[in-house]
Amino acid sequence: MIGRLRGVLVSSSESSVCIDVSGVGYEVTMTPRGLVSLPGIGEEVVVHTHTHVREDEMSLFGFDSENERDLFRILLGASGVGTKVAMAMLGTMSPQDIVRAIASEDADALTVVSGIGKRGAQRIVLELAPKLAGRDADVLTGSGSASVRAALETLGYSTEEINSVIGKVDPNESVESQVREALRTLGGS
């Protein structure tokens, strides 16, 4: 499986990007939220991926963080949820809102996603709530990384510098600890 790509962003469309890694262009499907967070064409990018293999197709799905990719994989564990519905969920709702809706058994919150009706939402909650019960939505979804990124930008670090350290900090730590760890790493380079 391909778990992460690091290369140069070659092109971008409404739902995917092409990343050149050592001369090979990988087409990666992403949510609109994920596409917005990418650097410009010609710049280096790191994308965490899920490789989806079917008998007639192999696809790559890209995410900003390992935590978002892990949530995507958890969503695929529900019957009736394929890659299209899981991407629609991540494109419509924030990862934190998805985790909170499922963990609190709020099926109605999931019906805002195109392709998920009332029964489908109830099935998703029924099957995934036990897996997400007691887990902190912010830790699971890595929402702290956006705060860490914002703090480093405020301190004057470039997107390239931030991208080089953001994956090295422990997402289970507090935002303050993550920023300190990132600053130590940046200071040592």
N, C-alpha and C. Protein backbone atom coordinates (compact mmCIF):
# COMPACT_ATOMS: atom_id res chain seq x y z
N MET A 1 0.83 -1.19 0.00
CA MET A 1 0.00 0.00 0.00
C MET A 1 0.87 1.25 0.00
N ILE A 2 0.34 2.28 -0.56
CA ILE A 2 1.02 3.58 -0.57
C ILE A 2 0.40 4.39 0.56
N GLY A 3 1.19 4.69 1.59
CA GLY A 3 0.67 5.37 2.77
C GLY A 3 0.92 6.86 2.80
N ARG A 4 1.89 7.32 2.00
CA ARG A 4 2.21 8.75 2.00
C ARG A 4 2.97 9.06 0.72
N LEU A 5 2.69 10.23 0.18
CA LEU A 5 3.42 10.69 -1.00
C LEU A 5 4.08 12.02 -0.68
N ARG A 6 5.32 12.15 -1.11
CA ARG A 6 6.04 13.42 -0.98
C ARG A 6 6.62 13.72 -2.35
N GLY A 7 6.21 14.83 -2.91
CA GLY A 7 6.69 15.18 -4.23
C GLY A 7 6.25 16.58 -4.61
N VAL A 8 6.29 16.84 -5.90
CA VAL A 8 5.96 18.16 -6.43
C VAL A 8 4.53 18.14 -6.96
N LEU A 9 3.75 19.13 -6.57
CA LEU A 9 2.38 19.25 -7.05
C LEU A 9 2.41 19.69 -8.51
N VAL A 10 1.88 18.82 -9.39
CA VAL A 10 1.93 19.07 -10.83
C VAL A 10 0.65 19.75 -11.32
N SER A 11 -0.50 19.25 -10.86
CA SER A 11 -1.77 19.83 -11.29
C SER A 11 -2.83 19.58 -10.23
N SER A 12 -3.93 20.33 -10.36
CA SER A 12 -5.01 20.23 -9.39
C SER A 12 -6.33 20.45 -10.11
N SER A 13 -7.35 19.65 -9.76
CA SER A 13 -8.69 19.83 -10.31
C SER A 13 -9.66 19.98 -9.15
N GLU A 14 -10.96 19.90 -9.42
CA GLU A 14 -11.96 20.07 -8.37
C GLU A 14 -11.92 18.96 -7.32
N SER A 15 -11.46 17.77 -7.73
CA SER A 15 -11.52 16.65 -6.79
C SER A 15 -10.22 15.86 -6.68
N SER A 16 -9.19 16.25 -7.40
CA SER A 16 -7.95 15.47 -7.33
C SER A 16 -6.73 16.33 -7.65
N VAL A 17 -5.57 15.75 -7.36
CA VAL A 17 -4.30 16.38 -7.68
C VAL A 17 -3.39 15.35 -8.34
N CYS A 18 -2.38 15.84 -9.03
CA CYS A 18 -1.34 14.96 -9.55
C CYS A 18 -0.04 15.37 -8.86
N ILE A 19 0.61 14.39 -8.24
CA ILE A 19 1.85 14.63 -7.52
C ILE A 19 2.97 13.85 -8.19
N ASP A 20 4.02 14.56 -8.59
CA ASP A 20 5.18 13.93 -9.22
C ASP A 20 6.15 13.48 -8.13
N VAL A 21 6.35 12.16 -8.05
CA VAL A 21 7.29 11.59 -7.09
C VAL A 21 8.34 10.84 -7.90
N SER A 22 9.54 11.39 -7.97
CA SER A 22 10.65 10.77 -8.71
C SER A 22 10.27 10.43 -10.15
N GLY A 23 9.57 11.34 -10.81
CA GLY A 23 9.23 11.14 -12.21
C GLY A 23 7.94 10.39 -12.48
N VAL A 24 7.28 9.92 -11.44
CA VAL A 24 6.01 9.22 -11.60
C VAL A 24 4.89 10.11 -11.07
N GLY A 25 3.86 10.33 -11.89
CA GLY A 25 2.74 11.18 -11.48
C GLY A 25 1.64 10.35 -10.86
N TYR A 26 1.34 10.62 -9.60
CA TYR A 26 0.27 9.91 -8.89
C TYR A 26 -0.97 10.79 -8.84
N GLU A 27 -2.11 10.26 -9.32
CA GLU A 27 -3.37 10.98 -9.22
C GLU A 27 -4.01 10.61 -7.89
N VAL A 28 -4.33 11.63 -7.10
CA VAL A 28 -4.85 11.43 -5.75
C VAL A 28 -6.17 12.18 -5.60
N THR A 29 -7.23 11.46 -5.23
CA THR A 29 -8.53 12.07 -4.99
C THR A 29 -8.52 12.69 -3.60
N MET A 30 -9.01 13.93 -3.49
CA MET A 30 -9.03 14.63 -2.21
C MET A 30 -10.35 15.37 -2.03
N THR A 31 -10.66 15.72 -0.79
CA THR A 31 -11.84 16.53 -0.51
C THR A 31 -11.52 17.99 -0.85
N PRO A 32 -12.55 18.81 -1.06
CA PRO A 32 -12.29 20.24 -1.31
C PRO A 32 -11.49 20.89 -0.17
N ARG A 33 -11.76 20.49 1.08
CA ARG A 33 -11.02 21.04 2.22
C ARG A 33 -9.54 20.68 2.11
N GLY A 34 -9.25 19.47 1.70
CA GLY A 34 -7.87 19.04 1.54
C GLY A 34 -7.16 19.76 0.41
N LEU A 35 -7.89 19.99 -0.68
CA LEU A 35 -7.31 20.68 -1.83
C LEU A 35 -6.92 22.12 -1.50
N VAL A 36 -7.75 22.78 -0.70
CA VAL A 36 -7.50 24.18 -0.34
C VAL A 36 -6.23 24.31 0.49
N SER A 37 -5.92 23.29 1.28
CA SER A 37 -4.77 23.38 2.18
C SER A 37 -3.43 23.12 1.49
N LEU A 38 -3.46 22.72 0.23
CA LEU A 38 -2.22 22.40 -0.48
C LEU A 38 -1.48 23.65 -0.94
N PRO A 39 -0.15 23.54 -1.09
CA PRO A 39 0.62 24.67 -1.62
C PRO A 39 0.34 24.83 -3.12
N GLY A 40 0.99 25.77 -3.75
CA GLY A 40 0.77 26.05 -5.17
C GLY A 40 1.43 25.02 -6.08
N ILE A 41 1.04 25.06 -7.35
CA ILE A 41 1.61 24.19 -8.38
C ILE A 41 3.12 24.42 -8.43
N GLY A 42 3.87 23.32 -8.51
CA GLY A 42 5.33 23.40 -8.58
C GLY A 42 6.01 23.35 -7.23
N GLU A 43 5.23 23.39 -6.15
CA GLU A 43 5.81 23.33 -4.81
C GLU A 43 5.75 21.91 -4.26
N GLU A 44 6.60 21.65 -3.26
CA GLU A 44 6.63 20.33 -2.64
C GLU A 44 5.41 20.15 -1.75
N VAL A 45 4.87 18.94 -1.76
CA VAL A 45 3.67 18.62 -0.99
C VAL A 45 3.84 17.24 -0.35
N VAL A 46 3.24 17.07 0.82
CA VAL A 46 3.19 15.77 1.48
C VAL A 46 1.71 15.45 1.71
N VAL A 47 1.28 14.29 1.22
CA VAL A 47 -0.11 13.87 1.35
C VAL A 47 -0.13 12.46 1.92
N HIS A 48 -0.92 12.26 2.97
CA HIS A 48 -1.12 10.92 3.53
C HIS A 48 -2.20 10.25 2.70
N THR A 49 -1.97 9.00 2.32
CA THR A 49 -2.87 8.36 1.37
C THR A 49 -3.45 7.04 1.87
N HIS A 50 -4.59 6.72 1.28
CA HIS A 50 -5.21 5.41 1.45
C HIS A 50 -5.27 4.81 0.06
N THR A 51 -4.73 3.61 -0.10
CA THR A 51 -4.77 2.92 -1.38
C THR A 51 -5.98 2.01 -1.38
N HIS A 52 -6.87 2.22 -2.33
CA HIS A 52 -8.09 1.42 -2.42
C HIS A 52 -8.00 0.54 -3.66
N VAL A 53 -8.05 -0.77 -3.47
CA VAL A 53 -7.91 -1.71 -4.57
C VAL A 53 -9.20 -2.50 -4.75
N ARG A 54 -9.72 -2.46 -5.97
CA ARG A 54 -10.86 -3.29 -6.36
C ARG A 54 -10.40 -4.15 -7.52
N GLU A 55 -11.22 -5.10 -7.91
CA GLU A 55 -10.79 -5.99 -8.99
C GLU A 55 -10.57 -5.27 -10.31
N ASP A 56 -11.24 -4.13 -10.51
CA ASP A 56 -11.11 -3.41 -11.77
C ASP A 56 -10.46 -2.03 -11.65
N GLU A 57 -10.01 -1.68 -10.45
CA GLU A 57 -9.50 -0.32 -10.26
C GLU A 57 -8.62 -0.22 -9.02
N MET A 58 -7.62 0.66 -9.11
CA MET A 58 -6.80 0.99 -7.95
C MET A 58 -6.81 2.51 -7.83
N SER A 59 -7.18 3.02 -6.65
CA SER A 59 -7.30 4.47 -6.46
C SER A 59 -6.53 4.90 -5.22
N LEU A 60 -6.07 6.15 -5.26
CA LEU A 60 -5.43 6.77 -4.11
C LEU A 60 -6.32 7.89 -3.60
N PHE A 61 -6.52 7.94 -2.29
CA PHE A 61 -7.27 9.00 -1.64
C PHE A 61 -6.32 9.72 -0.71
N GLY A 62 -6.28 11.05 -0.79
CA GLY A 62 -5.30 11.83 -0.04
C GLY A 62 -5.91 12.65 1.08
N PHE A 63 -5.11 12.83 2.15
CA PHE A 63 -5.57 13.52 3.35
C PHE A 63 -4.44 14.38 3.92
N ASP A 64 -4.84 15.43 4.65
CA ASP A 64 -3.88 16.34 5.27
C ASP A 64 -3.07 15.67 6.37
N SER A 65 -3.68 14.71 7.06
CA SER A 65 -3.02 14.11 8.22
C SER A 65 -3.30 12.61 8.27
N GLU A 66 -2.48 11.92 9.04
CA GLU A 66 -2.71 10.50 9.26
C GLU A 66 -4.03 10.29 10.00
N ASN A 67 -4.35 11.20 10.90
CA ASN A 67 -5.59 11.07 11.67
C ASN A 67 -6.82 11.15 10.78
N GLU A 68 -6.81 12.05 9.81
CA GLU A 68 -7.94 12.16 8.89
C GLU A 68 -8.04 10.90 8.03
N ARG A 69 -6.88 10.38 7.61
CA ARG A 69 -6.88 9.13 6.85
C ARG A 69 -7.42 7.98 7.69
N ASP A 70 -7.04 7.93 8.97
CA ASP A 70 -7.54 6.88 9.85
C ASP A 70 -9.05 6.97 10.03
N LEU A 71 -9.58 8.19 10.13
CA LEU A 71 -11.03 8.37 10.23
C LEU A 71 -11.71 7.87 8.96
N PHE A 72 -11.13 8.16 7.81
CA PHE A 72 -11.65 7.67 6.53
C PHE A 72 -11.74 6.14 6.56
N ARG A 73 -10.69 5.50 7.05
CA ARG A 73 -10.68 4.04 7.12
C ARG A 73 -11.72 3.51 8.10
N ILE A 74 -11.92 4.21 9.20
CA ILE A 74 -12.96 3.82 10.16
C ILE A 74 -14.33 3.91 9.48
N LEU A 75 -14.56 4.99 8.74
CA LEU A 75 -15.84 5.16 8.05
C LEU A 75 -16.08 4.04 7.05
N LEU A 76 -15.04 3.59 6.36
CA LEU A 76 -15.18 2.50 5.40
C LEU A 76 -15.61 1.20 6.08
N GLY A 77 -15.42 1.11 7.39
CA GLY A 77 -15.79 -0.09 8.14
C GLY A 77 -17.28 -0.25 8.34
N ALA A 78 -18.06 0.76 8.04
CA ALA A 78 -19.52 0.67 8.18
C ALA A 78 -20.10 0.10 6.89
N SER A 79 -21.06 -0.81 7.02
CA SER A 79 -21.67 -1.37 5.82
C SER A 79 -22.44 -0.29 5.09
N GLY A 80 -22.32 -0.30 3.77
CA GLY A 80 -22.98 0.71 2.95
C GLY A 80 -22.15 1.96 2.74
N VAL A 81 -21.00 2.05 3.40
CA VAL A 81 -20.13 3.22 3.22
C VAL A 81 -18.92 2.81 2.39
N GLY A 82 -18.90 3.32 1.17
CA GLY A 82 -17.76 3.10 0.29
C GLY A 82 -16.90 4.35 0.27
N THR A 83 -15.94 4.35 -0.62
CA THR A 83 -15.03 5.50 -0.70
C THR A 83 -15.75 6.79 -1.07
N LYS A 84 -16.75 6.69 -1.95
CA LYS A 84 -17.48 7.89 -2.38
C LYS A 84 -18.23 8.53 -1.22
N VAL A 85 -18.93 7.72 -0.43
CA VAL A 85 -19.69 8.25 0.71
C VAL A 85 -18.74 8.76 1.79
N ALA A 86 -17.67 8.03 2.06
CA ALA A 86 -16.71 8.46 3.09
C ALA A 86 -16.07 9.80 2.70
N MET A 87 -15.72 9.97 1.42
CA MET A 87 -15.16 11.25 0.97
C MET A 87 -16.21 12.35 1.03
N ALA A 88 -17.47 12.02 0.71
CA ALA A 88 -18.55 13.01 0.80
C ALA A 88 -18.73 13.46 2.25
N MET A 89 -18.60 12.51 3.19
CA MET A 89 -18.71 12.86 4.61
C MET A 89 -17.60 13.83 5.00
N LEU A 90 -16.36 13.51 4.62
CA LEU A 90 -15.23 14.37 4.98
C LEU A 90 -15.25 15.69 4.21
N GLY A 91 -15.92 15.71 3.06
CA GLY A 91 -16.03 16.95 2.30
C GLY A 91 -17.14 17.86 2.79
N THR A 92 -18.15 17.27 3.44
CA THR A 92 -19.31 18.03 3.91
C THR A 92 -19.17 18.46 5.36
N MET A 93 -18.66 17.56 6.19
CA MET A 93 -18.55 17.82 7.63
C MET A 93 -17.07 17.82 8.02
N SER A 94 -16.75 18.55 9.08
CA SER A 94 -15.38 18.50 9.58
C SER A 94 -15.16 17.14 10.24
N PRO A 95 -13.93 16.65 10.28
CA PRO A 95 -13.67 15.38 10.96
C PRO A 95 -14.16 15.38 12.41
N GLN A 96 -14.00 16.52 13.10
CA GLN A 96 -14.45 16.61 14.49
C GLN A 96 -15.96 16.42 14.58
N ASP A 97 -16.70 17.05 13.66
CA ASP A 97 -18.16 16.93 13.67
C ASP A 97 -18.61 15.50 13.37
N ILE A 98 -17.91 14.82 12.48
CA ILE A 98 -18.24 13.43 12.17
C ILE A 98 -18.05 12.56 13.41
N VAL A 99 -16.90 12.69 14.05
CA VAL A 99 -16.61 11.89 15.24
C VAL A 99 -17.61 12.18 16.35
N ARG A 100 -17.89 13.45 16.58
CA ARG A 100 -18.84 13.81 17.63
C ARG A 100 -20.24 13.28 17.33
N ALA A 101 -20.68 13.38 16.07
CA ALA A 101 -22.01 12.90 15.70
C ALA A 101 -22.13 11.40 15.92
N ILE A 102 -21.11 10.66 15.52
CA ILE A 102 -21.16 9.20 15.68
C ILE A 102 -21.03 8.81 17.14
N ALA A 103 -20.07 9.40 17.85
CA ALA A 103 -19.85 9.05 19.26
C ALA A 103 -21.05 9.40 20.13
N SER A 104 -21.75 10.50 19.79
CA SER A 104 -22.92 10.90 20.58
C SER A 104 -24.21 10.31 20.02
N GLU A 105 -24.08 9.44 19.01
CA GLU A 105 -25.20 8.75 18.39
C GLU A 105 -26.24 9.71 17.82
N ASP A 106 -25.76 10.78 17.19
CA ASP A 106 -26.62 11.78 16.56
C ASP A 106 -26.70 11.48 15.06
N ALA A 107 -27.55 10.52 14.70
CA ALA A 107 -27.67 10.09 13.30
C ALA A 107 -28.18 11.22 12.41
N ASP A 108 -29.04 12.07 12.93
CA ASP A 108 -29.60 13.17 12.12
C ASP A 108 -28.51 14.10 11.59
N ALA A 109 -27.44 14.27 12.35
CA ALA A 109 -26.35 15.16 11.92
C ALA A 109 -25.68 14.63 10.65
N LEU A 110 -25.69 13.32 10.45
CA LEU A 110 -25.03 12.72 9.29
C LEU A 110 -25.86 12.82 8.02
N THR A 111 -27.17 13.09 8.16
CA THR A 111 -28.03 13.12 6.98
C THR A 111 -27.80 14.35 6.10
N VAL A 112 -26.99 15.30 6.55
CA VAL A 112 -26.66 16.46 5.70
C VAL A 112 -25.74 16.06 4.55
N VAL A 113 -25.14 14.89 4.66
CA VAL A 113 -24.21 14.41 3.63
C VAL A 113 -25.00 13.79 2.48
N SER A 114 -24.69 14.21 1.26
CA SER A 114 -25.33 13.65 0.08
C SER A 114 -25.02 12.15 0.00
N GLY A 115 -26.07 11.35 -0.17
CA GLY A 115 -25.88 9.90 -0.25
C GLY A 115 -26.14 9.18 1.05
N ILE A 116 -26.42 9.92 2.13
CA ILE A 116 -26.72 9.29 3.41
C ILE A 116 -28.13 9.69 3.83
N GLY A 117 -29.01 8.70 3.87
CA GLY A 117 -30.37 8.92 4.33
C GLY A 117 -30.47 8.61 5.82
N LYS A 118 -31.68 8.67 6.33
CA LYS A 118 -31.90 8.43 7.76
C LYS A 118 -31.48 7.02 8.17
N ARG A 119 -31.89 6.02 7.38
CA ARG A 119 -31.51 4.63 7.72
C ARG A 119 -30.00 4.42 7.64
N GLY A 120 -29.39 4.96 6.59
CA GLY A 120 -27.94 4.83 6.44
C GLY A 120 -27.20 5.47 7.59
N ALA A 121 -27.66 6.65 8.00
CA ALA A 121 -27.03 7.35 9.13
C ALA A 121 -27.17 6.54 10.41
N GLN A 122 -28.35 5.96 10.62
CA GLN A 122 -28.56 5.14 11.82
C GLN A 122 -27.66 3.92 11.81
N ARG A 123 -27.48 3.31 10.63
CA ARG A 123 -26.61 2.14 10.52
C ARG A 123 -25.15 2.52 10.81
N ILE A 124 -24.71 3.66 10.28
CA ILE A 124 -23.34 4.13 10.52
C ILE A 124 -23.11 4.34 12.01
N VAL A 125 -24.06 5.02 12.65
CA VAL A 125 -23.94 5.28 14.10
C VAL A 125 -23.93 3.96 14.86
N LEU A 126 -24.83 3.05 14.52
CA LEU A 126 -24.92 1.77 15.23
C LEU A 126 -23.62 0.97 15.11
N GLU A 127 -23.03 0.96 13.93
CA GLU A 127 -21.82 0.16 13.70
C GLU A 127 -20.54 0.83 14.19
N LEU A 128 -20.48 2.16 14.12
CA LEU A 128 -19.22 2.84 14.44
C LEU A 128 -19.18 3.47 15.83
N ALA A 129 -20.32 3.72 16.46
CA ALA A 129 -20.33 4.35 17.79
C ALA A 129 -19.49 3.57 18.80
N PRO A 130 -19.58 2.23 18.84
CA PRO A 130 -18.74 1.50 19.80
C PRO A 130 -17.23 1.70 19.55
N LYS A 131 -16.85 1.88 18.30
CA LYS A 131 -15.43 2.08 17.97
C LYS A 131 -14.94 3.47 18.38
N LEU A 132 -15.86 4.45 18.40
CA LEU A 132 -15.48 5.83 18.69
C LEU A 132 -15.84 6.27 20.10
N ALA A 133 -16.59 5.45 20.82
CA ALA A 133 -17.03 5.84 22.17
C ALA A 133 -15.82 6.09 23.07
N GLY A 134 -15.86 7.21 23.78
CA GLY A 134 -14.80 7.53 24.73
C GLY A 134 -13.54 8.11 24.11
N ARG A 135 -13.52 8.26 22.80
CA ARG A 135 -12.34 8.83 22.15
C ARG A 135 -12.55 10.32 21.98
N ASP A 136 -11.51 11.07 22.21
CA ASP A 136 -11.56 12.52 22.08
C ASP A 136 -11.53 12.89 20.60
N ALA A 137 -12.55 13.60 20.15
CA ALA A 137 -12.66 13.97 18.74
C ALA A 137 -11.46 14.79 18.28
N ASP A 138 -10.95 15.67 19.11
CA ASP A 138 -9.82 16.50 18.71
C ASP A 138 -8.55 15.68 18.55
N VAL A 139 -8.33 14.70 19.43
CA VAL A 139 -7.14 13.85 19.31
C VAL A 139 -7.26 12.95 18.09
N LEU A 140 -8.45 12.33 17.92
CA LEU A 140 -8.64 11.41 16.81
C LEU A 140 -8.49 12.11 15.47
N THR A 141 -9.00 13.31 15.35
CA THR A 141 -8.98 14.00 14.07
C THR A 141 -7.78 14.91 13.89
N GLY A 142 -6.97 15.06 14.92
CA GLY A 142 -5.76 15.87 14.79
C GLY A 142 -6.03 17.33 14.57
N SER A 143 -7.11 17.84 15.16
CA SER A 143 -7.47 19.24 14.93
C SER A 143 -6.40 20.19 15.45
N GLY A 144 -5.56 19.71 16.34
CA GLY A 144 -4.50 20.55 16.87
C GLY A 144 -3.50 20.96 15.81
N SER A 145 -3.35 20.15 14.74
CA SER A 145 -2.35 20.47 13.72
C SER A 145 -2.65 21.79 13.02
N ALA A 146 -3.92 22.13 12.86
CA ALA A 146 -4.28 23.42 12.25
C ALA A 146 -3.84 24.56 13.17
N SER A 147 -4.00 24.38 14.47
CA SER A 147 -3.59 25.40 15.43
C SER A 147 -2.07 25.53 15.46
N VAL A 148 -1.39 24.40 15.38
CA VAL A 148 0.08 24.41 15.36
C VAL A 148 0.57 25.12 14.11
N ARG A 149 -0.04 24.79 12.98
CA ARG A 149 0.33 25.42 11.70
C ARG A 149 0.12 26.94 11.78
N ALA A 150 -1.02 27.36 12.33
CA ALA A 150 -1.33 28.79 12.45
C ALA A 150 -0.31 29.50 13.35
N ALA A 151 0.05 28.84 14.46
CA ALA A 151 1.02 29.44 15.39
C ALA A 151 2.38 29.61 14.71
N LEU A 152 2.81 28.61 13.96
CA LEU A 152 4.10 28.69 13.28
C LEU A 152 4.08 29.75 12.17
N GLU A 153 2.95 29.87 11.47
CA GLU A 153 2.82 30.92 10.44
C GLU A 153 2.92 32.30 11.08
N THR A 154 2.28 32.45 12.24
CA THR A 154 2.32 33.73 12.95
C THR A 154 3.74 34.09 13.35
N LEU A 155 4.53 33.07 13.66
CA LEU A 155 5.92 33.29 14.05
C LEU A 155 6.84 33.51 12.85
N GLY A 156 6.27 33.48 11.64
CA GLY A 156 7.05 33.82 10.45
C GLY A 156 7.65 32.66 9.69
N TYR A 157 7.31 31.43 10.04
CA TYR A 157 7.86 30.28 9.32
C TYR A 157 7.12 30.09 7.99
N SER A 158 7.86 29.65 6.97
CA SER A 158 7.27 29.44 5.65
C SER A 158 6.47 28.14 5.63
N THR A 159 5.61 28.01 4.63
CA THR A 159 4.80 26.80 4.46
C THR A 159 5.70 25.59 4.32
N GLU A 160 6.80 25.73 3.59
CA GLU A 160 7.74 24.62 3.40
C GLU A 160 8.34 24.18 4.74
N GLU A 161 8.75 25.14 5.56
CA GLU A 161 9.32 24.81 6.88
C GLU A 161 8.27 24.14 7.76
N ILE A 162 7.06 24.66 7.73
CA ILE A 162 5.98 24.09 8.56
C ILE A 162 5.67 22.68 8.11
N ASN A 163 5.55 22.47 6.78
CA ASN A 163 5.25 21.13 6.26
C ASN A 163 6.33 20.12 6.65
N SER A 164 7.57 20.60 6.76
CA SER A 164 8.67 19.68 7.09
C SER A 164 8.62 19.19 8.53
N VAL A 165 7.96 19.94 9.43
CA VAL A 165 7.93 19.53 10.84
C VAL A 165 6.56 19.09 11.34
N ILE A 166 5.49 19.46 10.65
CA ILE A 166 4.15 19.21 11.18
C ILE A 166 3.87 17.72 11.37
N GLY A 167 4.42 16.88 10.51
CA GLY A 167 4.21 15.45 10.65
C GLY A 167 5.09 14.80 11.70
N LYS A 168 6.07 15.55 12.21
CA LYS A 168 7.01 15.00 13.19
C LYS A 168 6.56 15.22 14.63
N VAL A 169 5.57 16.09 14.84
CA VAL A 169 5.11 16.35 16.21
C VAL A 169 4.05 15.33 16.59
N ASP A 170 3.98 15.02 17.86
CA ASP A 170 3.04 14.02 18.37
C ASP A 170 1.64 14.63 18.46
N PRO A 171 0.68 14.17 17.64
CA PRO A 171 -0.66 14.75 17.64
C PRO A 171 -1.44 14.48 18.93
N ASN A 172 -0.94 13.58 19.76
CA ASN A 172 -1.62 13.27 21.03
C ASN A 172 -1.27 14.27 22.13
N GLU A 173 -0.27 15.10 21.88
CA GLU A 173 0.14 16.12 22.85
C GLU A 173 -0.75 17.35 22.71
N SER A 174 -0.69 18.23 23.70
CA SER A 174 -1.44 19.48 23.63
C SER A 174 -0.86 20.35 22.51
N VAL A 175 -1.64 21.32 22.07
CA VAL A 175 -1.19 22.22 21.01
C VAL A 175 0.09 22.93 21.43
N GLU A 176 0.15 23.37 22.69
CA GLU A 176 1.33 24.06 23.19
C GLU A 176 2.57 23.17 23.10
N SER A 177 2.42 21.90 23.49
CA SER A 177 3.55 20.97 23.42
C SER A 177 3.96 20.71 21.98
N GLN A 178 2.97 20.63 21.09
CA GLN A 178 3.28 20.42 19.68
C GLN A 178 4.05 21.60 19.10
N VAL A 179 3.65 22.82 19.47
CA VAL A 179 4.35 24.02 18.99
C VAL A 179 5.78 24.03 19.51
N ARG A 180 5.96 23.73 20.82
CA ARG A 180 7.32 23.69 21.38
C ARG A 180 8.18 22.66 20.66
N GLU A 181 7.62 21.48 20.42
CA GLU A 181 8.36 20.42 19.74
C GLU A 181 8.72 20.85 18.31
N ALA A 182 7.78 21.49 17.61
CA ALA A 182 8.05 21.97 16.25
C ALA A 182 9.14 23.03 16.25
N LEU A 183 9.10 23.94 17.23
CA LEU A 183 10.12 24.99 17.32
C LEU A 183 11.49 24.40 17.61
N ARG A 184 11.55 23.37 18.47
CA ARG A 184 12.83 22.70 18.74
C ARG A 184 13.37 22.08 17.45
N THR A 185 12.49 21.42 16.71
CA THR A 185 12.91 20.78 15.46
C THR A 185 13.38 21.82 14.45
N LEU A 186 12.63 22.90 14.31
CA LEU A 186 13.01 23.96 13.37
C LEU A 186 14.30 24.64 13.79
N GLY A 187 14.50 24.79 15.09
CA GLY A 187 15.71 25.43 15.61
C GLY A 187 16.95 24.59 15.38
N GLY A 188 16.78 23.26 15.31
CA GLY A 188 17.91 22.36 15.13
C GLY A 188 18.29 22.16 13.68
N SER A 189 17.46 22.67 12.75
CA SER A 189 17.77 22.43 11.33
C SER A 189 18.47 23.59 10.68
